[in-house]
PDB file of N, CA and C in Angstrom:
ATOM      1  N   MET A   1       2.876 -13.016   0.549  1.00  0.00           N
ATOM      2  CA  MET A   1       2.086 -12.417  -0.498  1.00  0.00           C
ATOM      3  C   MET A   1       0.647 -12.330  -0.048  1.00  0.00           C
ATOM      4  N   ARG A   2      -0.031 -11.308  -0.518  1.00  0.00           N
ATOM      5  CA  ARG A   2      -1.393 -11.124  -0.063  1.00  0.00           C
ATOM      6  C   ARG A   2      -2.388 -11.283  -1.196  1.00  0.00           C
ATOM      7  N   LEU A   3      -2.480 -10.341  -2.087  1.00  0.00           N
ATOM      8  CA  LEU A   3      -3.521 -10.410  -3.094  1.00  0.00           C
ATOM      9  C   LEU A   3      -3.267  -9.414  -4.194  1.00  0.00           C
ATOM     10  N   ASN A   4      -4.040  -9.564  -5.239  1.00  0.00           N
ATOM     11  CA  ASN A   4      -4.117  -8.525  -6.257  1.00  0.00           C
ATOM     12  C   ASN A   4      -5.305  -7.661  -5.892  1.00  0.00           C
ATOM     13  N   GLU A   5      -5.159  -6.368  -6.037  1.00  0.00           N
ATOM     14  CA  GLU A   5      -6.273  -5.478  -5.743  1.00  0.00           C
ATOM     15  C   GLU A   5      -6.710  -4.824  -7.037  1.00  0.00           C
ATOM     16  N   LEU A   6      -7.963  -5.006  -7.366  1.00  0.00           N
ATOM     17  CA  LEU A   6      -8.535  -4.398  -8.552  1.00  0.00           C
ATOM     18  C   LEU A   6      -9.520  -3.344  -8.085  1.00  0.00           C
ATOM     19  N   GLN A   7      -9.276  -2.121  -8.493  1.00  0.00           N
ATOM     20  CA  GLN A   7     -10.194  -1.053  -8.117  1.00  0.00           C
ATOM     21  C   GLN A   7     -10.702  -0.409  -9.393  1.00  0.00           C
ATOM     22  N   ASN A   8     -12.022  -0.395  -9.536  1.00  0.00           N
ATOM     23  CA  ASN A   8     -12.639   0.176 -10.718  1.00  0.00           C
ATOM     24  C   ASN A   8     -12.572   1.690 -10.681  1.00  0.00           C
ATOM     25  N   SER A   9     -13.036   2.312 -11.749  1.00  0.00           N
ATOM     26  CA  SER A   9     -12.960   3.760 -11.864  1.00  0.00           C
ATOM     27  C   SER A   9     -13.869   4.455 -10.855  1.00  0.00           C
ATOM     28  N   GLN A  10     -13.499   5.674 -10.545  1.00  0.00           N
ATOM     29  CA  GLN A  10     -14.287   6.579  -9.700  1.00  0.00           C
ATOM     30  C   GLN A  10     -14.602   5.997  -8.326  1.00  0.00           C
ATOM     31  N   GLN A  11     -13.570   5.489  -7.647  1.00  0.00           N
ATOM     32  CA  GLN A  11     -13.744   4.958  -6.297  1.00  0.00           C
ATOM     33  C   GLN A  11     -12.770   5.648  -5.341  1.00  0.00           C
ATOM     34  N   HIS A  12     -13.154   5.656  -4.072  1.00  0.00           N
ATOM     35  CA  HIS A  12     -12.314   6.238  -3.030  1.00  0.00           C
ATOM     36  C   HIS A  12     -12.253   5.252  -1.879  1.00  0.00           C
ATOM     37  N   GLY A  13     -11.044   4.902  -1.467  1.00  0.00           N
ATOM     38  CA  GLY A  13     -10.873   4.024  -0.315  1.00  0.00           C
ATOM     39  C   GLY A  13     -10.807   4.866   0.942  1.00  0.00           C
ATOM     40  N   CYS A  14     -11.641   4.574   1.892  1.00  0.00           N
ATOM     41  CA  CYS A  14     -11.705   5.358   3.121  1.00  0.00           C
ATOM     42  C   CYS A  14     -10.388   5.281   3.887  1.00  0.00           C
ATOM     43  N   GLU A  15     -10.199   6.247   4.770  1.00  0.00           N
ATOM     44  CA  GLU A  15      -9.025   6.242   5.626  1.00  0.00           C
ATOM     45  C   GLU A  15      -8.992   4.947   6.422  1.00  0.00           C
ATOM     46  N   ALA A  16      -7.815   4.361   6.538  1.00  0.00           N
ATOM     47  CA  ALA A  16      -7.665   3.095   7.246  1.00  0.00           C
ATOM     48  C   ALA A  16      -6.296   3.059   7.906  1.00  0.00           C
ATOM     49  N   GLU A  17      -6.167   2.168   8.854  1.00  0.00           N
ATOM     50  CA  GLU A  17      -4.858   1.910   9.452  1.00  0.00           C
ATOM     51  C   GLU A  17      -4.857   0.519  10.038  1.00  0.00           C
ATOM     52  N   TRP A  18      -3.731  -0.154   9.955  1.00  0.00           N
ATOM     53  CA  TRP A  18      -3.550  -1.496  10.481  1.00  0.00           C
ATOM     54  C   TRP A  18      -3.234  -1.359  11.964  1.00  0.00           C
ATOM     55  N   PRO A  19      -3.683  -2.276  12.809  1.00  0.00           N
ATOM     56  CA  PRO A  19      -3.526  -2.092  14.254  1.00  0.00           C
ATOM     57  C   PRO A  19      -2.107  -2.278  14.800  1.00  0.00           C
ATOM     58  N   THR A  20      -1.173  -2.745  13.982  1.00  0.00           N
ATOM     59  CA  THR A  20       0.198  -2.947  14.456  1.00  0.00           C
ATOM     60  C   THR A  20       1.180  -2.591  13.349  1.00  0.00           C
ATOM     61  N   ASN A  21       2.404  -2.236  13.742  1.00  0.00           N
ATOM     62  CA  ASN A  21       3.403  -1.909  12.725  1.00  0.00           C
ATOM     63  C   ASN A  21       4.429  -3.030  12.560  1.00  0.00           C
ATOM     64  N   CYS A  22       4.012  -4.274  12.739  1.00  0.00           N
ATOM     65  CA  CYS A  22       4.931  -5.405  12.592  1.00  0.00           C
ATOM     66  C   CYS A  22       5.221  -5.723  11.122  1.00  0.00           C
ATOM     67  N   ARG A  23       4.524  -5.084  10.215  1.00  0.00           N
ATOM     68  CA  ARG A  23       4.738  -5.362   8.795  1.00  0.00           C
ATOM     69  C   ARG A  23       4.863  -4.063   8.010  1.00  0.00           C
ATOM     70  N   LEU A  24       5.384  -4.190   6.815  1.00  0.00           N
ATOM     71  CA  LEU A  24       5.345  -3.126   5.819  1.00  0.00           C
ATOM     72  C   LEU A  24       4.558  -3.668   4.641  1.00  0.00           C
ATOM     73  N   ARG A  25       3.883  -2.797   3.943  1.00  0.00           N
ATOM     74  CA  ARG A  25       3.065  -3.194   2.797  1.00  0.00           C
ATOM     75  C   ARG A  25       3.727  -2.687   1.522  1.00  0.00           C
ATOM     76  N   MET A  26       3.813  -3.587   0.546  1.00  0.00           N
ATOM     77  CA  MET A  26       4.397  -3.240  -0.745  1.00  0.00           C
ATOM     78  C   MET A  26       3.311  -3.334  -1.811  1.00  0.00           C
ATOM     79  N   HIS A  27       3.194  -2.290  -2.626  1.00  0.00           N
ATOM     80  CA  HIS A  27       2.253  -2.272  -3.744  1.00  0.00           C
ATOM     81  C   HIS A  27       3.056  -2.242  -5.039  1.00  0.00           C
ATOM     82  N   LEU A  28       2.886  -3.246  -5.873  1.00  0.00           N
ATOM     83  CA  LEU A  28       3.499  -3.271  -7.193  1.00  0.00           C
ATOM     84  C   LEU A  28       2.431  -2.899  -8.214  1.00  0.00           C
ATOM     85  N   GLY A  29       2.647  -1.816  -8.939  1.00  0.00           N
ATOM     86  CA  GLY A  29       1.687  -1.382  -9.949  1.00  0.00           C
ATOM     87  C   GLY A  29       1.717  -2.295 -11.162  1.00  0.00           C
ATOM     88  N   LEU A  30       0.601  -2.962 -11.454  1.00  0.00           N
ATOM     89  CA  LEU A  30       0.509  -3.846 -12.619  1.00  0.00           C
ATOM     90  C   LEU A  30      -0.170  -3.140 -13.792  1.00  0.00           C
ATOM     91  N   VAL A  31      -1.353  -2.580 -13.540  1.00  0.00           N
ATOM     92  CA  VAL A  31      -2.082  -1.804 -14.549  1.00  0.00           C
ATOM     93  C   VAL A  31      -2.484  -0.502 -13.876  1.00  0.00           C
ATOM     94  N   ILE A  32      -1.890   0.599 -14.313  1.00  0.00           N
ATOM     95  CA  ILE A  32      -2.122   1.891 -13.679  1.00  0.00           C
ATOM     96  C   ILE A  32      -2.513   2.916 -14.746  1.00  0.00           C
ATOM     97  N   PRO A  33      -3.693   3.531 -14.631  1.00  0.00           N
ATOM     98  CA  PRO A  33      -4.054   4.594 -15.571  1.00  0.00           C
ATOM     99  C   PRO A  33      -3.041   5.742 -15.504  1.00  0.00           C
ATOM    100  N   LYS A  34      -2.919   6.479 -16.576  1.00  0.00           N
ATOM    101  CA  LYS A  34      -1.930   7.564 -16.656  1.00  0.00           C
ATOM    102  C   LYS A  34      -2.177   8.643 -15.597  1.00  0.00           C
ATOM    103  N   GLU A  35      -3.432   8.915 -15.267  1.00  0.00           N
ATOM    104  CA  GLU A  35      -3.765   9.948 -14.286  1.00  0.00           C
ATOM    105  C   GLU A  35      -4.920   9.485 -13.410  1.00  0.00           C
ATOM    106  N   GLY A  36      -5.026  10.071 -12.221  1.00  0.00           N
ATOM    107  CA  GLY A  36      -6.202   9.874 -11.381  1.00  0.00           C
ATOM    108  C   GLY A  36      -6.091   8.831 -10.291  1.00  0.00           C
ATOM    109  N   CYS A  37      -4.922   8.192 -10.140  1.00  0.00           N
ATOM    110  CA  CYS A  37      -4.744   7.188  -9.091  1.00  0.00           C
ATOM    111  C   CYS A  37      -3.693   7.692  -8.112  1.00  0.00           C
ATOM    112  N   ARG A  38      -4.056   7.749  -6.843  1.00  0.00           N
ATOM    113  CA  ARG A  38      -3.073   8.199  -5.859  1.00  0.00           C
ATOM    114  C   ARG A  38      -3.368   7.606  -4.499  1.00  0.00           C
ATOM    115  N   ILE A  39      -2.355   7.637  -3.640  1.00  0.00           N
ATOM    116  CA  ILE A  39      -2.457   7.132  -2.283  1.00  0.00           C
ATOM    117  C   ILE A  39      -1.842   8.167  -1.349  1.00  0.00           C
ATOM    118  N   ARG A  40      -2.486   8.375  -0.217  1.00  0.00           N
ATOM    119  CA  ARG A  40      -1.933   9.241   0.833  1.00  0.00           C
ATOM    120  C   ARG A  40      -1.541   8.338   1.979  1.00  0.00           C
ATOM    121  N   CYS A  41      -0.306   8.451   2.395  1.00  0.00           N
ATOM    122  CA  CYS A  41       0.204   7.650   3.504  1.00  0.00           C
ATOM    123  C   CYS A  41       0.642   8.593   4.613  1.00  0.00           C
ATOM    124  N   GLY A  42       0.311   8.245   5.834  1.00  0.00           N
ATOM    125  CA  GLY A  42       0.711   9.073   6.962  1.00  0.00           C
ATOM    126  C   GLY A  42       2.209   9.129   7.148  1.00  0.00           C
ATOM    127  N   MET A  43       2.920   8.119   6.660  1.00  0.00           N
ATOM    128  CA  MET A  43       4.372   8.101   6.792  1.00  0.00           C
ATOM    129  C   MET A  43       4.964   7.500   5.528  1.00  0.00           C
ATOM    130  N   VAL A  44       5.571   8.350   4.714  1.00  0.00           N
ATOM    131  CA  VAL A  44       6.215   7.895   3.488  1.00  0.00           C
ATOM    132  C   VAL A  44       7.602   8.521   3.404  1.00  0.00           C
ATOM    133  N   PRO A  45       8.541   7.861   2.730  1.00  0.00           N
ATOM    134  CA  PRO A  45       9.867   8.452   2.572  1.00  0.00           C
ATOM    135  C   PRO A  45       9.778   9.815   1.893  1.00  0.00           C
ATOM    136  N   GLY A  46      10.488  10.778   2.406  1.00  0.00           N
ATOM    137  CA  GLY A  46      10.466  12.114   1.831  1.00  0.00           C
ATOM    138  C   GLY A  46       9.299  12.960   2.305  1.00  0.00           C
ATOM    139  N   GLY A  47       8.360  12.382   3.017  1.00  0.00           N
ATOM    140  CA  GLY A  47       7.257  13.135   3.590  1.00  0.00           C
ATOM    141  C   GLY A  47       6.233  13.647   2.603  1.00  0.00           C
ATOM    142  N   LYS A  48       6.178  13.098   1.388  1.00  0.00           N
ATOM    143  CA  LYS A  48       5.187  13.544   0.414  1.00  0.00           C
ATOM    144  C   LYS A  48       3.799  13.131   0.884  1.00  0.00           C
ATOM    145  N   PRO A  49       2.835  14.035   0.851  1.00  0.00           N
ATOM    146  CA  PRO A  49       1.497  13.673   1.346  1.00  0.00           C
ATOM    147  C   PRO A  49       0.749  12.673   0.464  1.00  0.00           C
ATOM    148  N   THR A  50       0.903  12.745  -0.838  1.00  0.00           N
ATOM    149  CA  THR A  50       0.267  11.758  -1.717  1.00  0.00           C
ATOM    150  C   THR A  50       1.287  11.266  -2.737  1.00  0.00           C
ATOM    151  N   LEU A  51       1.114  10.027  -3.123  1.00  0.00           N
ATOM    152  CA  LEU A  51       1.985   9.406  -4.116  1.00  0.00           C
ATOM    153  C   LEU A  51       1.119   8.805  -5.207  1.00  0.00           C
ATOM    154  N   ALA A  52       1.708   8.609  -6.374  1.00  0.00           N
ATOM    155  CA  ALA A  52       1.006   7.959  -7.477  1.00  0.00           C
ATOM    156  C   ALA A  52       1.696   6.642  -7.788  1.00  0.00           C
ATOM    157  N   TRP A  53       0.908   5.611  -8.090  1.00  0.00           N
ATOM    158  CA  TRP A  53       1.476   4.337  -8.511  1.00  0.00           C
ATOM    159  C   TRP A  53       2.047   4.491  -9.910  1.00  0.00           C
ATOM    160  N   GLU A  54       3.027   3.652 -10.228  1.00  0.00           N
ATOM    161  CA  GLU A  54       3.578   3.572 -11.573  1.00  0.00           C
ATOM    162  C   GLU A  54       3.673   2.098 -11.949  1.00  0.00           C
ATOM    163  N   GLU A  55       3.368   1.791 -13.197  1.00  0.00           N
ATOM    164  CA  GLU A  55       3.444   0.402 -13.633  1.00  0.00           C
ATOM    165  C   GLU A  55       4.873  -0.103 -13.495  1.00  0.00           C
ATOM    166  N   GLY A  56       5.013  -1.299 -12.899  1.00  0.00           N
ATOM    167  CA  GLY A  56       6.307  -1.925 -12.747  1.00  0.00           C
ATOM    168  C   GLY A  56       7.143  -1.398 -11.587  1.00  0.00           C
ATOM    169  N   LYS A  57       6.605  -0.465 -10.815  1.00  0.00           N
ATOM    170  CA  LYS A  57       7.345   0.090  -9.684  1.00  0.00           C
ATOM    171  C   LYS A  57       6.627  -0.248  -8.383  1.00  0.00           C
ATOM    172  N   VAL A  58       7.401  -0.275  -7.287  1.00  0.00           N
ATOM    173  CA  VAL A  58       6.879  -0.659  -5.980  1.00  0.00           C
ATOM    174  C   VAL A  58       6.812   0.545  -5.056  1.00  0.00           C
ATOM    175  N   LEU A  59       5.683   0.685  -4.360  1.00  0.00           N
ATOM    176  CA  LEU A  59       5.542   1.635  -3.258  1.00  0.00           C
ATOM    177  C   LEU A  59       5.591   0.818  -1.970  1.00  0.00           C
ATOM    178  N   ILE A  60       6.363   1.271  -1.002  1.00  0.00           N
ATOM    179  CA  ILE A  60       6.444   0.590   0.285  1.00  0.00           C
ATOM    180  C   ILE A  60       6.019   1.575   1.359  1.00  0.00           C
ATOM    181  N   PHE A  61       5.104   1.139   2.243  1.00  0.00           N
ATOM    182  CA  PHE A  61       4.661   2.025   3.316  1.00  0.00           C
ATOM    183  C   PHE A  61       4.243   1.212   4.531  1.00  0.00           C
ATOM    184  N   ASP A  62       4.200   1.895   5.641  1.00  0.00           N
ATOM    185  CA  ASP A  62       3.776   1.304   6.912  1.00  0.00           C
ATOM    186  C   ASP A  62       2.291   1.603   7.055  1.00  0.00           C
ATOM    187  N   ASP A  63       1.463   0.591   6.846  1.00  0.00           N
ATOM    188  CA  ASP A  63       0.015   0.844   6.860  1.00  0.00           C
ATOM    189  C   ASP A  63      -0.579   0.882   8.262  1.00  0.00           C
ATOM    190  N   SER A  64       0.291   0.915   9.297  1.00  0.00           N
ATOM    191  CA  SER A  64      -0.239   1.185  10.637  1.00  0.00           C
ATOM    192  C   SER A  64      -0.508   2.678  10.793  1.00  0.00           C
ATOM    193  N   PHE A  65       0.031   3.478   9.856  1.00  0.00           N
ATOM    194  CA  PHE A  65      -0.284   4.903   9.811  1.00  0.00           C
ATOM    195  C   PHE A  65      -1.509   5.086   8.927  1.00  0.00           C
ATOM    196  N   GLU A  66      -2.270   6.111   9.211  1.00  0.00           N
ATOM    197  CA  GLU A  66      -3.472   6.384   8.429  1.00  0.00           C
ATOM    198  C   GLU A  66      -3.117   6.532   6.946  1.00  0.00           C
ATOM    199  N   HIS A  67      -3.933   5.925   6.097  1.00  0.00           N
ATOM    200  CA  HIS A  67      -3.730   6.015   4.654  1.00  0.00           C
ATOM    201  C   HIS A  67      -5.072   5.906   3.939  1.00  0.00           C
ATOM    202  N   GLU A  68      -5.121   6.408   2.721  1.00  0.00           N
ATOM    203  CA  GLU A  68      -6.330   6.296   1.901  1.00  0.00           C
ATOM    204  C   GLU A  68      -5.939   6.365   0.434  1.00  0.00           C
ATOM    205  N   VAL A  69      -6.805   5.854  -0.428  1.00  0.00           N
ATOM    206  CA  VAL A  69      -6.534   5.822  -1.863  1.00  0.00           C
ATOM    207  C   VAL A  69      -7.660   6.485  -2.640  1.00  0.00           C
ATOM    208  N   TRP A  70      -7.310   7.019  -3.808  1.00  0.00           N
ATOM    209  CA  TRP A  70      -8.275   7.605  -4.733  1.00  0.00           C
ATOM    210  C   TRP A  70      -8.098   6.961  -6.089  1.00  0.00           C
ATOM    211  N   GLN A  71      -9.211   6.647  -6.722  1.00  0.00           N
ATOM    212  CA  GLN A  71      -9.225   6.091  -8.063  1.00  0.00           C
ATOM    213  C   GLN A  71     -10.165   6.966  -8.879  1.00  0.00           C
ATOM    214  N   ASP A  72      -9.650   8.102  -9.350  1.00  0.00           N
ATOM    215  CA  ASP A  72     -10.464   9.060 -10.102  1.00  0.00           C
ATOM    216  C   ASP A  72     -10.347   8.867 -11.609  1.00  0.00           C
ATOM    217  N   ALA A  73      -9.605   7.859 -12.029  1.00  0.00           N
ATOM    218  CA  ALA A  73      -9.414   7.594 -13.455  1.00  0.00           C
ATOM    219  C   ALA A  73     -10.670   6.961 -14.047  1.00  0.00           C
ATOM    220  N   ASP A  74     -10.719   6.946 -15.367  1.00  0.00           N
ATOM    221  CA  ASP A  74     -11.864   6.347 -16.060  1.00  0.00           C
ATOM    222  C   ASP A  74     -11.714   4.844 -16.265  1.00  0.00           C
ATOM    223  N   SER A  75     -10.556   4.295 -15.931  1.00  0.00           N
ATOM    224  CA  SER A  75     -10.344   2.857 -16.083  1.00  0.00           C
ATOM    225  C   SER A  75      -9.865   2.272 -14.754  1.00  0.00           C
ATOM    226  N   TYR A  76      -9.677   0.973 -14.723  1.00  0.00           N
ATOM    227  CA  TYR A  76      -9.349   0.295 -13.476  1.00  0.00           C
ATOM    228  C   TYR A  76      -7.860   0.400 -13.135  1.00  0.00           C
ATOM    229  N   ARG A  77      -7.548   0.132 -11.870  1.00  0.00           N
ATOM    230  CA  ARG A  77      -6.183   0.061 -11.357  1.00  0.00           C
ATOM    231  C   ARG A  77      -5.984  -1.335 -10.790  1.00  0.00           C
ATOM    232  N   LEU A  78      -4.856  -1.972 -11.116  1.00  0.00           N
ATOM    233  CA  LEU A  78      -4.550  -3.292 -10.604  1.00  0.00           C
ATOM    234  C   LEU A  78      -3.173  -3.248  -9.959  1.00  0.00           C
ATOM    235  N   ILE A  79      -3.112  -3.612  -8.678  1.00  0.00           N
ATOM    236  CA  ILE A  79      -1.835  -3.667  -7.980  1.00  0.00           C
ATOM    237  C   ILE A  79      -1.688  -5.031  -7.320  1.00  0.00           C
ATOM    238  N   PHE A  80      -0.441  -5.452  -7.154  1.00  0.00           N
ATOM    239  CA  PHE A  80      -0.113  -6.687  -6.453  1.00  0.00           C
ATOM    240  C   PHE A  80       0.401  -6.274  -5.086  1.00  0.00           C
ATOM    241  N   ILE A  81      -0.188  -6.820  -4.022  1.00  0.00           N
ATOM    242  CA  ILE A  81       0.149  -6.425  -2.650  1.00  0.00           C
ATOM    243  C   ILE A  81       0.953  -7.530  -1.983  1.00  0.00           C
ATOM    244  N   VAL A  82       2.063  -7.144  -1.384  1.00  0.00           N
ATOM    245  CA  VAL A  82       2.911  -8.079  -0.636  1.00  0.00           C
ATOM    246  C   VAL A  82       3.167  -7.470   0.734  1.00  0.00           C
ATOM    247  N   ASP A  83       2.944  -8.252   1.774  1.00  0.00           N
ATOM    248  CA  ASP A  83       3.256  -7.831   3.138  1.00  0.00           C
ATOM    249  C   ASP A  83       4.568  -8.478   3.555  1.00  0.00           C
ATOM    250  N   VAL A  84       5.458  -7.691   4.159  1.00  0.00           N
ATOM    251  CA  VAL A  84       6.748  -8.197   4.637  1.00  0.00           C
ATOM    252  C   VAL A  84       6.927  -7.760   6.090  1.00  0.00           C
ATOM    253  N   TRP A  85       7.722  -8.533   6.819  1.00  0.00           N
ATOM    254  CA  TRP A  85       8.002  -8.168   8.201  1.00  0.00           C
ATOM    255  C   TRP A  85       8.694  -6.810   8.259  1.00  0.00           C
ATOM    256  N   HIS A  86       8.383  -6.049   9.278  1.00  0.00           N
ATOM    257  CA  HIS A  86       9.074  -4.771   9.496  1.00  0.00           C
ATOM    258  C   HIS A  86      10.550  -5.093   9.729  1.00  0.00           C
ATOM    259  N   PRO A  87      11.467  -4.377   9.077  1.00  0.00           N
ATOM    260  CA  PRO A  87      12.888  -4.730   9.182  1.00  0.00           C
ATOM    261  C   PRO A  87      13.488  -4.544  10.578  1.00  0.00           C
ATOM    262  N   GLU A  88      12.828  -3.827  11.452  1.00  0.00           N
ATOM    263  CA  GLU A  88      13.360  -3.630  12.800  1.00  0.00           C
ATOM    264  C   GLU A  88      12.952  -4.734  13.774  1.00  0.00           C
ATOM    265  N   LEU A  89      12.121  -5.683  13.327  1.00  0.00           N
ATOM    266  CA  LEU A  89      11.772  -6.819  14.175  1.00  0.00           C
ATOM    267  C   LEU A  89      12.938  -7.794  14.238  1.00  0.00           C
ATOM    268  N   THR A  90      13.149  -8.362  15.392  1.00  0.00           N
ATOM    269  CA  THR A  90      14.175  -9.400  15.526  1.00  0.00           C
ATOM    270  C   THR A  90      13.605 -10.728  15.039  1.00  0.00           C
ATOM    271  N   ALA A  91      14.498 -11.687  14.815  1.00  0.00           N
ATOM    272  CA  ALA A  91      14.042 -13.031  14.411  1.00  0.00           C
ATOM    273  C   ALA A  91      13.137 -13.628  15.480  1.00  0.00           C
ATOM    274  N   GLN A  92      13.466 -13.412  16.735  1.00  0.00           N
ATOM    275  CA  GLN A  92      12.645 -13.924  17.842  1.00  0.00           C
ATOM    276  C   GLN A  92      11.249 -13.301  17.808  1.00  0.00           C
ATOM    277  N   GLN A  93      11.157 -12.008  17.581  1.00  0.00           N
ATOM    278  CA  GLN A  93       9.858 -11.342  17.518  1.00  0.00           C
ATOM    279  C   GLN A  93       9.036 -11.896  16.356  1.00  0.00           C
ATOM    280  N   ARG A  94       9.660 -12.107  15.207  1.00  0.00           N
ATOM    281  CA  ARG A  94       8.923 -12.661  14.047  1.00  0.00           C
ATOM    282  C   ARG A  94       8.402 -14.062  14.349  1.00  0.00           C
ATOM    283  N   ARG A  95       9.178 -14.868  15.068  1.00  0.00           N
ATOM    284  CA  ARG A  95       8.726 -16.227  15.408  1.00  0.00           C
ATOM    285  C   ARG A  95       7.517 -16.208  16.342  1.00  0.00           C
ATOM    286  N   THR A  96       7.410 -15.222  17.204  1.00  0.00           N
ATOM    287  CA  THR A  96       6.319 -15.195  18.177  1.00  0.00           C
ATOM    288  C   THR A  96       5.045 -14.533  17.648  1.00  0.00           C
ATOM    289  N   LEU A  97       5.135 -13.867  16.516  1.00  0.00           N
ATOM    290  CA  LEU A  97       3.964 -13.205  15.932  1.00  0.00           C
ATOM    291  C   LEU A  97       3.246 -14.136  14.971  1.00  0.00           C
ATOM    292  N   PRO A  98       1.928 -13.941  14.798  1.00  0.00           N
ATOM    293  CA  PRO A  98       1.215 -14.741  13.809  1.00  0.00           C
ATOM    294  C   PRO A  98       1.683 -14.377  12.407  1.00  0.00           C
ATOM    295  N   ALA A  99       1.428 -15.224  11.468  1.00  0.00           N
ATOM    296  CA  ALA A  99       1.808 -14.952  10.083  1.00  0.00           C
ATOM    297  C   ALA A  99       1.157 -13.662   9.610  1.00  0.00           C
ATOM    298  N   ILE A 100       1.871 -12.956   8.741  1.00  0.00           N
ATOM    299  CA  ILE A 100       1.300 -11.733   8.178  1.00  0.00           C
ATOM    300  C   ILE A 100       0.617 -12.103   6.938  1.00  0.00           C
TER     301      ILE A 100
END
């Protein structure tokens, strides 16, 4: 588990990427405004360029690909972030890597 992320209204998260693909990032929407919150992931299932969070639902993505977020809503967004090992890593590889 990593953290809760609270992003206030009218914010934009710059493009970012994690230096390795040993993990996948999961975002659980806790408090999500009806409109104005979205994320662009360089690699998402179905190839959609941007996705929207939904309360009670999880987005999973590989954050070693370029990604960015927009918070154009008038209220805050709260998500719970969990990092998990990439499923293609072997048990031996996970043992030799630092904790995520």
